[in-house]
Amino acid sequence: MIATPIVMDVPLRTDKNGKIRIGQTRVLLELVIHAFHQGETAEGIVDSYPTLNLGDVYAVLAYYLTHRAEVDTYVQQSDANAERIQQEIEANYSPETLALRARLRALEF
């Protein structure tokens, strides 16, 4: 029998750019949350991101389920920022790059 409650730290850290990463890895919180939303299990997430350990993923998912609104807001902001950066990058493509991308898209099936 456990006499006292066990307190565990959530393995999340904020890097110098303000991104939340899991444990001492470079894996972003939003990647794990997106995978979870797509139906991945904790084990599946560890398979996709082998630098993570299973206990950390379960701890992060438990934190997410307890703090869903805050984490969802963070993920939405992160996704919007990524989209903005992608648009800025694409706006600076040269005509040659745009032509190459169009040819590559035509090959996709």
N, C-alpha and C. Protein backbone atom coordinates (compact mmCIF):
# COMPACT_ATOMS: atom_id res chain seq x y z
N MET A 1 0.84 -1.17 0.00
CA MET A 1 0.00 0.00 0.00
C MET A 1 0.89 1.25 0.00
N ILE A 2 0.47 2.25 -0.74
CA ILE A 2 1.22 3.50 -0.81
C ILE A 2 0.69 4.44 0.26
N ALA A 3 1.58 4.89 1.14
CA ALA A 3 1.17 5.72 2.27
C ALA A 3 0.94 7.18 1.88
N THR A 4 1.71 7.68 0.93
CA THR A 4 1.56 9.08 0.54
C THR A 4 1.34 9.16 -0.97
N PRO A 5 0.67 10.20 -1.40
CA PRO A 5 0.48 10.35 -2.85
C PRO A 5 1.82 10.55 -3.55
N ILE A 6 1.90 10.02 -4.73
CA ILE A 6 3.10 10.18 -5.53
C ILE A 6 2.90 11.40 -6.43
N VAL A 7 3.85 12.29 -6.42
CA VAL A 7 3.80 13.47 -7.27
C VAL A 7 4.84 13.28 -8.38
N MET A 8 4.39 13.45 -9.61
CA MET A 8 5.29 13.28 -10.74
C MET A 8 5.38 14.59 -11.52
N ASP A 9 6.55 14.90 -11.99
CA ASP A 9 6.73 16.05 -12.87
C ASP A 9 6.28 15.67 -14.27
N VAL A 10 5.68 16.62 -14.97
CA VAL A 10 5.33 16.40 -16.37
C VAL A 10 6.58 16.67 -17.19
N PRO A 11 6.98 15.74 -18.04
CA PRO A 11 8.23 15.90 -18.79
C PRO A 11 8.10 16.86 -19.97
N LEU A 12 7.79 18.11 -19.67
CA LEU A 12 7.70 19.14 -20.71
C LEU A 12 8.68 20.26 -20.38
N ARG A 13 9.28 20.81 -21.42
CA ARG A 13 10.18 21.94 -21.22
C ARG A 13 9.98 22.91 -22.38
N THR A 14 10.21 24.16 -22.10
CA THR A 14 10.12 25.19 -23.13
C THR A 14 11.54 25.53 -23.58
N ASP A 15 11.76 25.46 -24.89
CA ASP A 15 13.10 25.76 -25.40
C ASP A 15 13.29 27.27 -25.57
N LYS A 16 14.45 27.67 -26.04
CA LYS A 16 14.78 29.10 -26.14
C LYS A 16 13.90 29.84 -27.14
N ASN A 17 13.22 29.10 -28.03
CA ASN A 17 12.33 29.72 -29.02
C ASN A 17 10.88 29.70 -28.58
N GLY A 18 10.63 29.23 -27.36
CA GLY A 18 9.27 29.20 -26.85
C GLY A 18 8.47 27.97 -27.25
N LYS A 19 9.12 27.00 -27.87
CA LYS A 19 8.45 25.75 -28.26
C LYS A 19 8.50 24.77 -27.10
N ILE A 20 7.41 24.04 -26.91
CA ILE A 20 7.36 23.06 -25.83
C ILE A 20 7.82 21.71 -26.38
N ARG A 21 8.80 21.15 -25.72
CA ARG A 21 9.37 19.86 -26.12
C ARG A 21 9.19 18.85 -25.00
N ILE A 22 9.24 17.58 -25.37
CA ILE A 22 9.00 16.51 -24.42
C ILE A 22 10.32 15.99 -23.88
N GLY A 23 10.42 15.98 -22.55
CA GLY A 23 11.62 15.50 -21.88
C GLY A 23 12.85 16.22 -22.38
N GLN A 24 13.91 15.48 -22.55
CA GLN A 24 15.16 16.04 -23.06
C GLN A 24 15.30 15.80 -24.56
N THR A 25 14.19 15.49 -25.22
CA THR A 25 14.22 15.25 -26.66
C THR A 25 13.91 16.54 -27.41
N ARG A 26 13.98 16.46 -28.72
CA ARG A 26 13.61 17.60 -29.57
C ARG A 26 12.18 17.45 -30.08
N VAL A 27 11.47 16.43 -29.63
CA VAL A 27 10.10 16.17 -30.10
C VAL A 27 9.17 17.23 -29.53
N LEU A 28 8.42 17.86 -30.42
CA LEU A 28 7.50 18.93 -30.03
C LEU A 28 6.20 18.37 -29.47
N LEU A 29 5.65 19.07 -28.50
CA LEU A 29 4.38 18.68 -27.90
C LEU A 29 3.30 18.55 -28.96
N GLU A 30 3.24 19.49 -29.90
CA GLU A 30 2.17 19.45 -30.89
C GLU A 30 2.22 18.22 -31.77
N LEU A 31 3.41 17.66 -32.01
CA LEU A 31 3.51 16.44 -32.80
C LEU A 31 2.85 15.27 -32.09
N VAL A 32 3.06 15.18 -30.79
CA VAL A 32 2.45 14.10 -30.01
C VAL A 32 0.94 14.30 -29.92
N ILE A 33 0.50 15.53 -29.73
CA ILE A 33 -0.94 15.79 -29.65
C ILE A 33 -1.62 15.50 -30.98
N HIS A 34 -1.01 15.89 -32.10
CA HIS A 34 -1.59 15.58 -33.41
C HIS A 34 -1.68 14.07 -33.61
N ALA A 35 -0.64 13.35 -33.25
CA ALA A 35 -0.67 11.89 -33.39
C ALA A 35 -1.78 11.29 -32.54
N PHE A 36 -1.93 11.78 -31.33
CA PHE A 36 -2.99 11.31 -30.43
C PHE A 36 -4.36 11.57 -31.04
N HIS A 37 -4.55 12.75 -31.63
CA HIS A 37 -5.83 13.09 -32.27
C HIS A 37 -6.11 12.20 -33.47
N GLN A 38 -5.06 11.71 -34.10
CA GLN A 38 -5.22 10.83 -35.26
C GLN A 38 -5.41 9.38 -34.85
N GLY A 39 -5.52 9.14 -33.55
CA GLY A 39 -5.81 7.80 -33.07
C GLY A 39 -4.62 6.97 -32.64
N GLU A 40 -3.44 7.56 -32.65
CA GLU A 40 -2.25 6.81 -32.22
C GLU A 40 -2.30 6.54 -30.73
N THR A 41 -1.84 5.38 -30.36
CA THR A 41 -1.68 5.04 -28.94
C THR A 41 -0.34 5.57 -28.46
N ALA A 42 -0.13 5.54 -27.17
CA ALA A 42 1.16 5.96 -26.63
C ALA A 42 2.28 5.10 -27.22
N GLU A 43 2.03 3.81 -27.35
CA GLU A 43 3.03 2.91 -27.92
C GLU A 43 3.32 3.27 -29.38
N GLY A 44 2.27 3.60 -30.13
CA GLY A 44 2.45 4.00 -31.53
C GLY A 44 3.24 5.29 -31.65
N ILE A 45 3.01 6.21 -30.73
CA ILE A 45 3.75 7.47 -30.74
C ILE A 45 5.23 7.21 -30.47
N VAL A 46 5.54 6.33 -29.53
CA VAL A 46 6.94 5.98 -29.25
C VAL A 46 7.57 5.29 -30.46
N ASP A 47 6.80 4.47 -31.17
CA ASP A 47 7.32 3.85 -32.39
C ASP A 47 7.68 4.92 -33.43
N SER A 48 6.86 5.97 -33.51
CA SER A 48 7.10 7.04 -34.48
C SER A 48 8.24 7.97 -34.06
N TYR A 49 8.40 8.12 -32.77
CA TYR A 49 9.42 9.02 -32.22
C TYR A 49 10.25 8.24 -31.19
N PRO A 50 11.20 7.44 -31.66
CA PRO A 50 11.92 6.53 -30.77
C PRO A 50 12.77 7.21 -29.70
N THR A 51 13.00 8.51 -29.79
CA THR A 51 13.75 9.18 -28.72
C THR A 51 12.89 9.37 -27.48
N LEU A 52 11.57 9.23 -27.64
CA LEU A 52 10.66 9.34 -26.49
C LEU A 52 10.63 8.03 -25.73
N ASN A 53 10.31 8.11 -24.44
CA ASN A 53 10.07 6.87 -23.71
C ASN A 53 8.59 6.80 -23.36
N LEU A 54 8.11 5.60 -23.18
CA LEU A 54 6.69 5.36 -23.01
C LEU A 54 6.11 6.08 -21.81
N GLY A 55 6.83 6.09 -20.70
CA GLY A 55 6.34 6.76 -19.50
C GLY A 55 6.13 8.25 -19.72
N ASP A 56 7.07 8.88 -20.45
CA ASP A 56 6.93 10.31 -20.74
C ASP A 56 5.71 10.58 -21.61
N VAL A 57 5.48 9.73 -22.60
CA VAL A 57 4.33 9.93 -23.48
C VAL A 57 3.03 9.79 -22.70
N TYR A 58 2.94 8.77 -21.85
CA TYR A 58 1.73 8.63 -21.02
C TYR A 58 1.56 9.84 -20.10
N ALA A 59 2.64 10.34 -19.53
CA ALA A 59 2.55 11.51 -18.65
C ALA A 59 2.08 12.74 -19.42
N VAL A 60 2.59 12.93 -20.62
CA VAL A 60 2.19 14.07 -21.45
C VAL A 60 0.73 13.94 -21.85
N LEU A 61 0.30 12.74 -22.23
CA LEU A 61 -1.10 12.56 -22.60
C LEU A 61 -2.03 12.76 -21.40
N ALA A 62 -1.61 12.32 -20.23
CA ALA A 62 -2.40 12.57 -19.01
C ALA A 62 -2.49 14.06 -18.74
N TYR A 63 -1.39 14.77 -18.90
CA TYR A 63 -1.39 16.22 -18.72
C TYR A 63 -2.34 16.87 -19.73
N TYR A 64 -2.26 16.43 -20.98
CA TYR A 64 -3.13 16.97 -22.02
C TYR A 64 -4.60 16.76 -21.68
N LEU A 65 -4.94 15.57 -21.26
CA LEU A 65 -6.35 15.27 -20.96
C LEU A 65 -6.85 16.07 -19.76
N THR A 66 -5.96 16.47 -18.89
CA THR A 66 -6.33 17.28 -17.72
C THR A 66 -6.35 18.77 -18.05
N HIS A 67 -5.54 19.19 -19.01
CA HIS A 67 -5.40 20.61 -19.37
C HIS A 67 -5.68 20.82 -20.86
N ARG A 68 -6.72 20.19 -21.34
CA ARG A 68 -7.02 20.17 -22.77
C ARG A 68 -7.13 21.57 -23.38
N ALA A 69 -7.87 22.46 -22.75
CA ALA A 69 -8.10 23.79 -23.33
C ALA A 69 -6.79 24.54 -23.52
N GLU A 70 -5.93 24.52 -22.51
CA GLU A 70 -4.67 25.24 -22.60
C GLU A 70 -3.75 24.65 -23.66
N VAL A 71 -3.68 23.32 -23.70
CA VAL A 71 -2.81 22.67 -24.67
C VAL A 71 -3.36 22.88 -26.08
N ASP A 72 -4.67 22.75 -26.26
CA ASP A 72 -5.26 22.98 -27.58
C ASP A 72 -4.99 24.40 -28.07
N THR A 73 -5.07 25.37 -27.18
CA THR A 73 -4.77 26.75 -27.56
C THR A 73 -3.32 26.88 -28.01
N TYR A 74 -2.40 26.28 -27.26
CA TYR A 74 -0.99 26.30 -27.62
C TYR A 74 -0.78 25.64 -28.99
N VAL A 75 -1.39 24.48 -29.21
CA VAL A 75 -1.22 23.76 -30.47
C VAL A 75 -1.78 24.58 -31.63
N GLN A 76 -2.94 25.19 -31.45
CA GLN A 76 -3.53 26.02 -32.51
C GLN A 76 -2.63 27.20 -32.84
N GLN A 77 -2.07 27.84 -31.83
CA GLN A 77 -1.16 28.97 -32.06
C GLN A 77 0.11 28.50 -32.78
N SER A 78 0.61 27.35 -32.39
CA SER A 78 1.81 26.80 -33.01
C SER A 78 1.54 26.46 -34.47
N ASP A 79 0.39 25.84 -34.74
CA ASP A 79 0.03 25.50 -36.12
C ASP A 79 -0.13 26.76 -36.98
N ALA A 80 -0.77 27.79 -36.43
CA ALA A 80 -0.95 29.04 -37.16
C ALA A 80 0.40 29.69 -37.46
N ASN A 81 1.30 29.65 -36.51
CA ASN A 81 2.64 30.21 -36.71
C ASN A 81 3.39 29.43 -37.79
N ALA A 82 3.28 28.12 -37.76
CA ALA A 82 3.94 27.29 -38.78
C ALA A 82 3.38 27.59 -40.17
N GLU A 83 2.08 27.76 -40.26
CA GLU A 83 1.44 28.08 -41.54
C GLU A 83 1.92 29.45 -42.05
N ARG A 84 2.01 30.42 -41.16
CA ARG A 84 2.48 31.76 -41.54
C ARG A 84 3.92 31.69 -42.06
N ILE A 85 4.77 30.95 -41.37
CA ILE A 85 6.16 30.81 -41.80
C ILE A 85 6.24 30.12 -43.15
N GLN A 86 5.43 29.07 -43.35
CA GLN A 86 5.41 28.36 -44.63
C GLN A 86 5.01 29.31 -45.76
N GLN A 87 4.00 30.14 -45.53
CA GLN A 87 3.57 31.10 -46.55
C GLN A 87 4.66 32.12 -46.85
N GLU A 88 5.38 32.57 -45.83
CA GLU A 88 6.48 33.51 -46.04
C GLU A 88 7.58 32.88 -46.89
N ILE A 89 7.88 31.62 -46.61
CA ILE A 89 8.91 30.92 -47.37
C ILE A 89 8.48 30.77 -48.82
N GLU A 90 7.24 30.32 -49.03
CA GLU A 90 6.76 30.09 -50.39
C GLU A 90 6.64 31.40 -51.18
N ALA A 91 6.38 32.51 -50.51
CA ALA A 91 6.28 33.80 -51.19
C ALA A 91 7.63 34.23 -51.77
N ASN A 92 8.71 33.68 -51.26
CA ASN A 92 10.05 34.04 -51.72
C ASN A 92 10.65 33.03 -52.70
N TYR A 93 9.85 32.05 -53.15
CA TYR A 93 10.36 31.09 -54.12
C TYR A 93 10.68 31.78 -55.44
N SER A 94 11.74 31.33 -56.05
CA SER A 94 12.10 31.85 -57.37
C SER A 94 11.16 31.24 -58.42
N PRO A 95 11.08 31.84 -59.61
CA PRO A 95 10.25 31.24 -60.67
C PRO A 95 10.68 29.81 -61.01
N GLU A 96 11.98 29.56 -60.94
CA GLU A 96 12.47 28.20 -61.23
C GLU A 96 11.97 27.20 -60.19
N THR A 97 12.00 27.61 -58.93
CA THR A 97 11.51 26.73 -57.86
C THR A 97 10.03 26.47 -58.02
N LEU A 98 9.27 27.50 -58.35
CA LEU A 98 7.82 27.33 -58.56
C LEU A 98 7.55 26.37 -59.72
N ALA A 99 8.32 26.49 -60.79
CA ALA A 99 8.15 25.59 -61.94
C ALA A 99 8.49 24.16 -61.55
N LEU A 100 9.56 23.98 -60.81
CA LEU A 100 9.95 22.64 -60.37
C LEU A 100 8.87 22.03 -59.48
N ARG A 101 8.35 22.81 -58.54
CA ARG A 101 7.28 22.32 -57.66
C ARG A 101 6.05 21.91 -58.46
N ALA A 102 5.71 22.69 -59.48
CA ALA A 102 4.55 22.36 -60.31
C ALA A 102 4.78 21.05 -61.05
N ARG A 103 5.98 20.85 -61.58
CA ARG A 103 6.28 19.58 -62.26
C ARG A 103 6.23 18.40 -61.29
N LEU A 104 6.76 18.59 -60.09
CA LEU A 104 6.73 17.51 -59.10
C LEU A 104 5.30 17.17 -58.69
N ARG A 105 4.47 18.19 -58.52
CA ARG A 105 3.07 17.93 -58.16
C ARG A 105 2.35 17.17 -59.27
N ALA A 106 2.70 17.44 -60.51
CA ALA A 106 2.07 16.75 -61.63
C ALA A 106 2.42 15.26 -61.63
N LEU A 107 3.56 14.91 -61.05
CA LEU A 107 3.99 13.51 -60.99
C LEU A 107 3.32 12.74 -59.87
N GLU A 108 2.79 13.43 -58.88
CA GLU A 108 2.18 12.75 -57.73
C GLU A 108 0.93 12.00 -58.17
N PHE A 109 0.72 10.86 -57.54
CA PHE A 109 -0.48 10.08 -57.84
C PHE A 109 -1.10 9.55 -56.62
